[in-house]
Amino acid sequence: MTRIKRGNVARKRRKKILKLAKGFRGSHSKLFRTAKQQVLKALKYSYIGRKNKKRDYRRLWIVRINASTRFNNISYSQFIYLLKKFNIALNRKMLAQLAVIDKSAFSFFVHFLKSADGTT
């Protein structure tokens, strides 16, 4: 049986992993076996991080909206309830931007919702 040399394939596979491991410290970027472990771990962390980023941003938006609504004498939950009640489809990202960038417009919006509901 003839001998099969897989130099090209093996080298390409290893170079691909070592390229992903560039910037890791010490042998984690130099030695293939440790680099492979670290790359797998890094890819797992990056996947988890992408999911966590969405949670973190939503949490930040809620905090900003809550601070602005309390400044206008209404709680966050009451504010969201009024939005749902009047079928206003503004997402939390847009509401947070409005609360940070244009405070007067946000307070006008809150007072409009409160007066429409009759809770003044």
N, C-alpha and C. Protein backbone atom coordinates (compact mmCIF):
# COMPACT_ATOMS: atom_id res chain seq x y z
N MET A 1 0.84 -1.19 0.00
CA MET A 1 0.00 0.00 0.00
C MET A 1 0.89 1.25 0.00
N THR A 2 0.49 2.21 -0.79
CA THR A 2 1.33 3.40 -0.90
C THR A 2 1.13 4.32 0.29
N ARG A 3 2.18 5.08 0.56
CA ARG A 3 2.17 6.00 1.69
C ARG A 3 1.50 7.32 1.27
N ILE A 4 0.63 7.82 2.12
CA ILE A 4 -0.06 9.07 1.82
C ILE A 4 0.53 10.17 2.69
N LYS A 5 1.06 11.18 2.03
CA LYS A 5 1.59 12.33 2.76
C LYS A 5 0.49 13.39 2.79
N ARG A 6 0.14 13.82 3.97
CA ARG A 6 -0.92 14.85 4.06
C ARG A 6 -0.35 16.16 4.56
N GLY A 7 0.82 16.51 4.06
CA GLY A 7 1.49 17.73 4.50
C GLY A 7 0.68 18.99 4.23
N ASN A 8 0.17 19.11 3.01
CA ASN A 8 -0.59 20.32 2.67
C ASN A 8 -1.82 20.48 3.54
N VAL A 9 -2.60 19.45 3.65
CA VAL A 9 -3.87 19.50 4.39
C VAL A 9 -3.61 19.79 5.86
N ALA A 10 -2.65 19.06 6.43
CA ALA A 10 -2.35 19.23 7.85
C ALA A 10 -1.82 20.64 8.12
N ARG A 11 -0.92 21.11 7.25
CA ARG A 11 -0.34 22.45 7.43
C ARG A 11 -1.42 23.52 7.34
N LYS A 12 -2.32 23.38 6.37
CA LYS A 12 -3.41 24.36 6.22
C LYS A 12 -4.30 24.38 7.46
N ARG A 13 -4.61 23.19 7.96
CA ARG A 13 -5.47 23.09 9.15
C ARG A 13 -4.81 23.75 10.36
N ARG A 14 -3.51 23.47 10.53
CA ARG A 14 -2.79 24.03 11.67
C ARG A 14 -2.61 25.53 11.54
N LYS A 15 -2.30 25.97 10.33
CA LYS A 15 -2.11 27.41 10.12
C LYS A 15 -3.41 28.18 10.37
N LYS A 16 -4.53 27.57 10.01
CA LYS A 16 -5.83 28.20 10.24
C LYS A 16 -6.08 28.42 11.73
N ILE A 17 -5.77 27.40 12.53
CA ILE A 17 -5.94 27.50 13.99
C ILE A 17 -4.97 28.51 14.57
N LEU A 18 -3.70 28.45 14.14
CA LEU A 18 -2.69 29.37 14.68
C LEU A 18 -2.97 30.81 14.27
N LYS A 19 -3.59 31.00 13.12
CA LYS A 19 -3.98 32.35 12.71
C LYS A 19 -5.08 32.89 13.62
N LEU A 20 -6.01 32.03 13.99
CA LEU A 20 -7.07 32.44 14.93
C LEU A 20 -6.51 32.73 16.32
N ALA A 21 -5.39 32.05 16.66
CA ALA A 21 -4.80 32.20 17.99
C ALA A 21 -3.83 33.37 18.06
N LYS A 22 -3.69 34.12 16.99
CA LYS A 22 -2.75 35.24 16.97
C LYS A 22 -3.16 36.26 18.05
N GLY A 23 -2.18 36.68 18.83
CA GLY A 23 -2.45 37.64 19.89
C GLY A 23 -2.62 36.99 21.26
N PHE A 24 -2.77 35.68 21.29
CA PHE A 24 -2.85 34.98 22.58
C PHE A 24 -1.45 34.99 23.20
N ARG A 25 -1.36 34.84 24.51
CA ARG A 25 -0.09 34.95 25.20
C ARG A 25 0.67 33.63 25.23
N GLY A 26 1.99 33.74 25.07
CA GLY A 26 2.88 32.60 25.24
C GLY A 26 2.60 31.47 24.27
N SER A 27 2.63 30.26 24.82
CA SER A 27 2.47 29.08 23.97
C SER A 27 1.06 28.94 23.43
N HIS A 28 0.12 29.70 23.96
CA HIS A 28 -1.26 29.65 23.46
C HIS A 28 -1.35 30.13 22.02
N SER A 29 -0.35 30.87 21.57
CA SER A 29 -0.36 31.32 20.17
C SER A 29 0.72 30.63 19.33
N LYS A 30 1.57 29.84 19.97
CA LYS A 30 2.70 29.24 19.25
C LYS A 30 2.54 27.74 19.03
N LEU A 31 2.13 27.02 20.04
CA LEU A 31 2.03 25.57 19.96
C LEU A 31 0.63 25.17 19.52
N PHE A 32 0.56 24.24 18.56
CA PHE A 32 -0.73 23.91 17.95
C PHE A 32 -1.73 23.35 18.95
N ARG A 33 -1.29 22.42 19.78
CA ARG A 33 -2.24 21.73 20.66
C ARG A 33 -2.89 22.70 21.66
N THR A 34 -2.07 23.52 22.30
CA THR A 34 -2.63 24.49 23.26
C THR A 34 -3.40 25.58 22.54
N ALA A 35 -2.91 25.97 21.36
CA ALA A 35 -3.61 27.00 20.59
C ALA A 35 -5.01 26.53 20.20
N LYS A 36 -5.12 25.25 19.83
CA LYS A 36 -6.42 24.71 19.44
C LYS A 36 -7.40 24.78 20.61
N GLN A 37 -6.92 24.40 21.80
CA GLN A 37 -7.79 24.46 22.98
C GLN A 37 -8.23 25.88 23.27
N GLN A 38 -7.29 26.82 23.18
CA GLN A 38 -7.62 28.21 23.48
C GLN A 38 -8.54 28.82 22.44
N VAL A 39 -8.37 28.43 21.18
CA VAL A 39 -9.25 28.95 20.12
C VAL A 39 -10.67 28.44 20.34
N LEU A 40 -10.82 27.16 20.67
CA LEU A 40 -12.15 26.61 20.94
C LEU A 40 -12.81 27.34 22.10
N LYS A 41 -12.03 27.59 23.14
CA LYS A 41 -12.55 28.29 24.31
C LYS A 41 -12.93 29.73 23.95
N ALA A 42 -12.06 30.39 23.17
CA ALA A 42 -12.33 31.77 22.76
C ALA A 42 -13.58 31.87 21.90
N LEU A 43 -13.76 30.91 21.00
CA LEU A 43 -14.95 30.93 20.15
C LEU A 43 -16.22 30.71 20.97
N LYS A 44 -16.10 29.87 22.00
CA LYS A 44 -17.25 29.64 22.88
C LYS A 44 -17.59 30.93 23.65
N TYR A 45 -16.54 31.60 24.15
CA TYR A 45 -16.77 32.85 24.88
C TYR A 45 -17.34 33.94 23.98
N SER A 46 -16.88 33.99 22.73
CA SER A 46 -17.40 35.02 21.83
C SER A 46 -18.87 34.77 21.51
N TYR A 47 -19.26 33.50 21.39
CA TYR A 47 -20.66 33.16 21.14
C TYR A 47 -21.52 33.60 22.33
N ILE A 48 -21.05 33.26 23.54
CA ILE A 48 -21.78 33.64 24.75
C ILE A 48 -21.84 35.16 24.87
N GLY A 49 -20.73 35.83 24.53
CA GLY A 49 -20.67 37.28 24.61
C GLY A 49 -21.66 37.98 23.71
N ARG A 50 -21.87 37.41 22.52
CA ARG A 50 -22.85 38.00 21.60
C ARG A 50 -24.25 37.93 22.18
N LYS A 51 -24.54 36.85 22.90
CA LYS A 51 -25.86 36.73 23.53
C LYS A 51 -25.99 37.69 24.72
N ASN A 52 -24.90 37.80 25.51
CA ASN A 52 -24.93 38.67 26.69
C ASN A 52 -25.04 40.14 26.31
N LYS A 53 -24.45 40.51 25.18
CA LYS A 53 -24.49 41.91 24.75
C LYS A 53 -25.92 42.39 24.57
N LYS A 54 -26.77 41.53 24.02
CA LYS A 54 -28.17 41.89 23.82
C LYS A 54 -28.86 42.13 25.16
N ARG A 55 -28.57 41.25 26.15
CA ARG A 55 -29.15 41.43 27.48
C ARG A 55 -28.68 42.72 28.13
N ASP A 56 -27.38 42.99 28.00
CA ASP A 56 -26.80 44.17 28.64
C ASP A 56 -27.38 45.45 28.08
N TYR A 57 -27.54 45.50 26.76
CA TYR A 57 -28.11 46.71 26.16
C TYR A 57 -29.55 46.90 26.58
N ARG A 58 -30.33 45.83 26.60
CA ARG A 58 -31.73 45.96 27.03
C ARG A 58 -31.80 46.46 28.47
N ARG A 59 -30.92 45.92 29.33
CA ARG A 59 -30.88 46.35 30.72
C ARG A 59 -30.54 47.83 30.83
N LEU A 60 -29.58 48.28 30.01
CA LEU A 60 -29.18 49.69 30.01
C LEU A 60 -30.33 50.59 29.57
N TRP A 61 -31.04 50.17 28.50
CA TRP A 61 -32.17 50.97 28.03
C TRP A 61 -33.24 51.08 29.09
N ILE A 62 -33.52 49.99 29.78
CA ILE A 62 -34.55 50.01 30.82
C ILE A 62 -34.15 50.94 31.96
N VAL A 63 -32.87 50.91 32.35
CA VAL A 63 -32.40 51.80 33.42
C VAL A 63 -32.56 53.25 33.01
N ARG A 64 -32.21 53.58 31.77
CA ARG A 64 -32.32 54.96 31.30
C ARG A 64 -33.77 55.43 31.24
N ILE A 65 -34.64 54.56 30.74
CA ILE A 65 -36.07 54.92 30.67
C ILE A 65 -36.63 55.09 32.07
N ASN A 66 -36.27 54.19 32.97
CA ASN A 66 -36.76 54.24 34.34
C ASN A 66 -36.33 55.55 35.02
N ALA A 67 -35.08 55.95 34.83
CA ALA A 67 -34.59 57.20 35.44
C ALA A 67 -35.38 58.39 34.91
N SER A 68 -35.64 58.42 33.61
CA SER A 68 -36.36 59.54 33.02
C SER A 68 -37.83 59.55 33.41
N THR A 69 -38.44 58.37 33.50
CA THR A 69 -39.85 58.34 33.88
C THR A 69 -40.03 58.73 35.34
N ARG A 70 -39.14 58.30 36.21
CA ARG A 70 -39.23 58.69 37.62
C ARG A 70 -39.02 60.19 37.79
N PHE A 71 -38.18 60.77 36.93
CA PHE A 71 -38.00 62.23 36.94
C PHE A 71 -39.30 62.93 36.59
N ASN A 72 -40.16 62.25 35.81
CA ASN A 72 -41.46 62.79 35.42
C ASN A 72 -42.61 62.22 36.27
N ASN A 73 -42.29 61.72 37.46
CA ASN A 73 -43.28 61.27 38.45
C ASN A 73 -44.16 60.12 37.98
N ILE A 74 -43.55 59.15 37.33
CA ILE A 74 -44.27 57.94 36.95
C ILE A 74 -43.24 56.80 36.97
N SER A 75 -43.70 55.62 37.33
CA SER A 75 -42.76 54.50 37.38
C SER A 75 -42.59 53.90 35.99
N TYR A 76 -41.53 53.13 35.84
CA TYR A 76 -41.25 52.48 34.55
C TYR A 76 -42.39 51.55 34.16
N SER A 77 -42.87 50.76 35.11
CA SER A 77 -43.91 49.78 34.79
C SER A 77 -45.21 50.46 34.37
N GLN A 78 -45.55 51.57 35.03
CA GLN A 78 -46.76 52.30 34.64
C GLN A 78 -46.59 52.89 33.23
N PHE A 79 -45.39 53.38 32.95
CA PHE A 79 -45.11 53.97 31.64
C PHE A 79 -45.26 52.92 30.53
N ILE A 80 -44.68 51.74 30.74
CA ILE A 80 -44.78 50.66 29.74
C ILE A 80 -46.23 50.21 29.59
N TYR A 81 -46.96 50.17 30.72
CA TYR A 81 -48.37 49.81 30.68
C TYR A 81 -49.16 50.79 29.81
N LEU A 82 -48.89 52.09 29.96
CA LEU A 82 -49.58 53.09 29.16
C LEU A 82 -49.23 52.96 27.68
N LEU A 83 -47.98 52.66 27.39
CA LEU A 83 -47.59 52.46 25.99
C LEU A 83 -48.36 51.31 25.36
N LYS A 84 -48.46 50.21 26.11
CA LYS A 84 -49.18 49.04 25.60
C LYS A 84 -50.68 49.34 25.48
N LYS A 85 -51.21 50.08 26.43
CA LYS A 85 -52.63 50.39 26.46
C LYS A 85 -53.05 51.20 25.24
N PHE A 86 -52.20 52.17 24.85
CA PHE A 86 -52.53 53.03 23.71
C PHE A 86 -51.89 52.55 22.40
N ASN A 87 -51.43 51.30 22.40
CA ASN A 87 -50.85 50.66 21.20
C ASN A 87 -49.74 51.50 20.55
N ILE A 88 -48.86 52.03 21.39
CA ILE A 88 -47.71 52.79 20.89
C ILE A 88 -46.54 51.81 20.78
N ALA A 89 -46.09 51.58 19.56
CA ALA A 89 -45.07 50.56 19.31
C ALA A 89 -43.68 51.18 19.18
N LEU A 90 -43.22 51.78 20.26
CA LEU A 90 -41.84 52.28 20.31
C LEU A 90 -41.02 51.30 21.13
N ASN A 91 -39.89 50.87 20.58
CA ASN A 91 -39.09 49.92 21.34
C ASN A 91 -38.25 50.63 22.40
N ARG A 92 -37.68 49.86 23.29
CA ARG A 92 -36.95 50.43 24.42
C ARG A 92 -35.71 51.19 23.99
N LYS A 93 -35.10 50.75 22.89
CA LYS A 93 -33.91 51.44 22.39
C LYS A 93 -34.25 52.87 21.98
N MET A 94 -35.34 53.03 21.25
CA MET A 94 -35.74 54.36 20.80
C MET A 94 -36.18 55.24 21.97
N LEU A 95 -36.90 54.63 22.92
CA LEU A 95 -37.32 55.39 24.09
C LEU A 95 -36.12 55.86 24.91
N ALA A 96 -35.12 54.99 25.05
CA ALA A 96 -33.91 55.36 25.81
C ALA A 96 -33.16 56.47 25.10
N GLN A 97 -33.06 56.40 23.76
CA GLN A 97 -32.40 57.46 23.01
C GLN A 97 -33.12 58.78 23.20
N LEU A 98 -34.43 58.73 23.15
CA LEU A 98 -35.24 59.94 23.34
C LEU A 98 -35.04 60.49 24.74
N ALA A 99 -34.99 59.62 25.74
CA ALA A 99 -34.81 60.05 27.12
C ALA A 99 -33.45 60.69 27.35
N VAL A 100 -32.43 60.23 26.66
CA VAL A 100 -31.08 60.75 26.86
C VAL A 100 -30.84 62.00 26.01
N ILE A 101 -31.23 61.96 24.74
CA ILE A 101 -30.89 63.05 23.82
C ILE A 101 -31.85 64.23 23.93
N ASP A 102 -33.16 63.95 24.01
CA ASP A 102 -34.15 65.03 24.03
C ASP A 102 -35.07 64.86 25.23
N LYS A 103 -34.61 65.35 26.38
CA LYS A 103 -35.35 65.18 27.64
C LYS A 103 -36.71 65.88 27.60
N SER A 104 -36.78 67.05 26.97
CA SER A 104 -38.05 67.79 26.93
C SER A 104 -39.11 67.04 26.12
N ALA A 105 -38.69 66.45 25.00
CA ALA A 105 -39.64 65.68 24.18
C ALA A 105 -40.12 64.45 24.95
N PHE A 106 -39.20 63.80 25.67
CA PHE A 106 -39.58 62.61 26.43
C PHE A 106 -40.57 62.98 27.54
N SER A 107 -40.28 64.10 28.25
CA SER A 107 -41.20 64.52 29.33
C SER A 107 -42.56 64.91 28.76
N PHE A 108 -42.57 65.57 27.58
CA PHE A 108 -43.84 65.89 26.92
C PHE A 108 -44.61 64.62 26.59
N PHE A 109 -43.89 63.62 26.10
CA PHE A 109 -44.49 62.34 25.75
C PHE A 109 -45.09 61.67 26.98
N VAL A 110 -44.37 61.70 28.09
CA VAL A 110 -44.86 61.09 29.34
C VAL A 110 -46.11 61.82 29.82
N HIS A 111 -46.06 63.16 29.82
CA HIS A 111 -47.23 63.92 30.28
C HIS A 111 -48.43 63.74 29.37
N PHE A 112 -48.16 63.58 28.07
CA PHE A 112 -49.24 63.31 27.12
C PHE A 112 -49.91 61.98 27.44
N LEU A 113 -49.09 60.93 27.71
CA LEU A 113 -49.65 59.63 28.04
C LEU A 113 -50.45 59.68 29.35
N LYS A 114 -49.91 60.39 30.34
CA LYS A 114 -50.60 60.48 31.64
C LYS A 114 -51.93 61.22 31.50
N SER A 115 -51.94 62.29 30.70
CA SER A 115 -53.20 63.04 30.53
C SER A 115 -54.22 62.25 29.72
N ALA A 116 -53.73 61.48 28.75
CA ALA A 116 -54.63 60.66 27.93
C ALA A 116 -55.28 59.57 28.78
N ASP A 117 -54.52 59.08 29.76
CA ASP A 117 -55.04 58.04 30.63
C ASP A 117 -55.93 58.64 31.72
N GLY A 118 -55.71 59.93 32.04
CA GLY A 118 -56.49 60.58 33.08
C GLY A 118 -55.91 60.42 34.46
N THR A 119 -54.63 60.04 34.57
CA THR A 119 -54.01 59.86 35.89
C THR A 119 -53.23 61.08 36.34
N THR A 120 -53.07 62.05 35.50
CA THR A 120 -52.37 63.33 35.70
C THR A 120 -51.30 63.32 36.72
